[in-house]
Amino acid sequence: MRTINLIVLDVRNGIVASWQRGVVAVALFLLMDVMLYRLPEILGEQAVSFSLGDYFVNTFAGVKEFFPELNQPIILPFAWLAIILLILYFTLNYPYKDLEGIGKHILILSGGRRRWWVAKCFWVCLNVLLYFLIWLAVAVFWVLMTKGNFDFAVSPELPAILGFEQRIVIQPPWNVSEVITTTVLVVIALCLLQMLVSLCTRPVLAFMVSITILLFSTYFTSPFLMGNYLMAARSQTFVFFGVNWASGALASIGIMLIVVVLGGWLFGRMDIRGRED
């Protein structure tokens, strides 16, 4: 069985058959858009005609840098965590369950473990890209409904509305394409890393690792904590002394390559006969 056939099976069994997850993603993205649209009114400020770029930055805004020595209150970005954890959850169980079930037989028919592993890596990438396409579709719909701007220019008022650290905000305009590129690559890298950990241990342990990375990222601003690159509030695109988007993109590509190569090597030596559900 060729790799492309394995990918088609994964798309059918791991994406199309789980279409209900897309409904959940639509609901969450729409909620985020509605919240931003209503936020100026809630804050008692003048209404803003938001753009696609505004809605993207809002969805992946995260939280500003935390300084415990200043006795700042701990602010956990629940909406941001929900957005990231949702796609991590969507890509969590299928590879493991597939290996526990019919995937064993398909693995034999495919003529090699490497093809199976490559197909699963491709499946993860497709899931993430589809997730962002769903975001785009919802954002376009909402901008159309609210007569917003169909571009990715970010409104000058947005950082203040979202609570960015105003003392270090860079003057507009901002290149939001940097944030979008980094965000997509980092999410793919985290999902691939989670898949590798889940196949070596268990999905629940892998998900706990992902949660830990994101939680630590909210409290510590460090280029070694990948969650920082998923927060517009900590990106050099918007604030001085933020994390560099290019470093995040390169680190993500490096993680992807390591996961694909190392995962293929480990999976080729893994005993799958005695695995239990």
Foldseek 3Di string as FASTA:
>chain_A
DFLVVLLVVCCVVQPVVVCVLLVVLLVLLLVQVVCVQCLCVVVVHDGDQFELQLSLQSQLAAAAADDVVVVDDQDGPPSNCCLLLSLLVSLQPVVVVLLQPVVVVVCVVNVHPLSNLVSSLVSSLVSLVVSVVSSVVSSVVVSVVVVHHHDSWGDQCRCVSSVFPVVFWDGDDFDSVLLVLLQSLLSSLLSLQLRLVCNVPNSVVSSVVSVVLLVVVSHDQDLVRLNQSSHPSQEPRTGPPGDDSVSSNVVSVVSSVCSSVVSSVVSRVDDSPPDDD
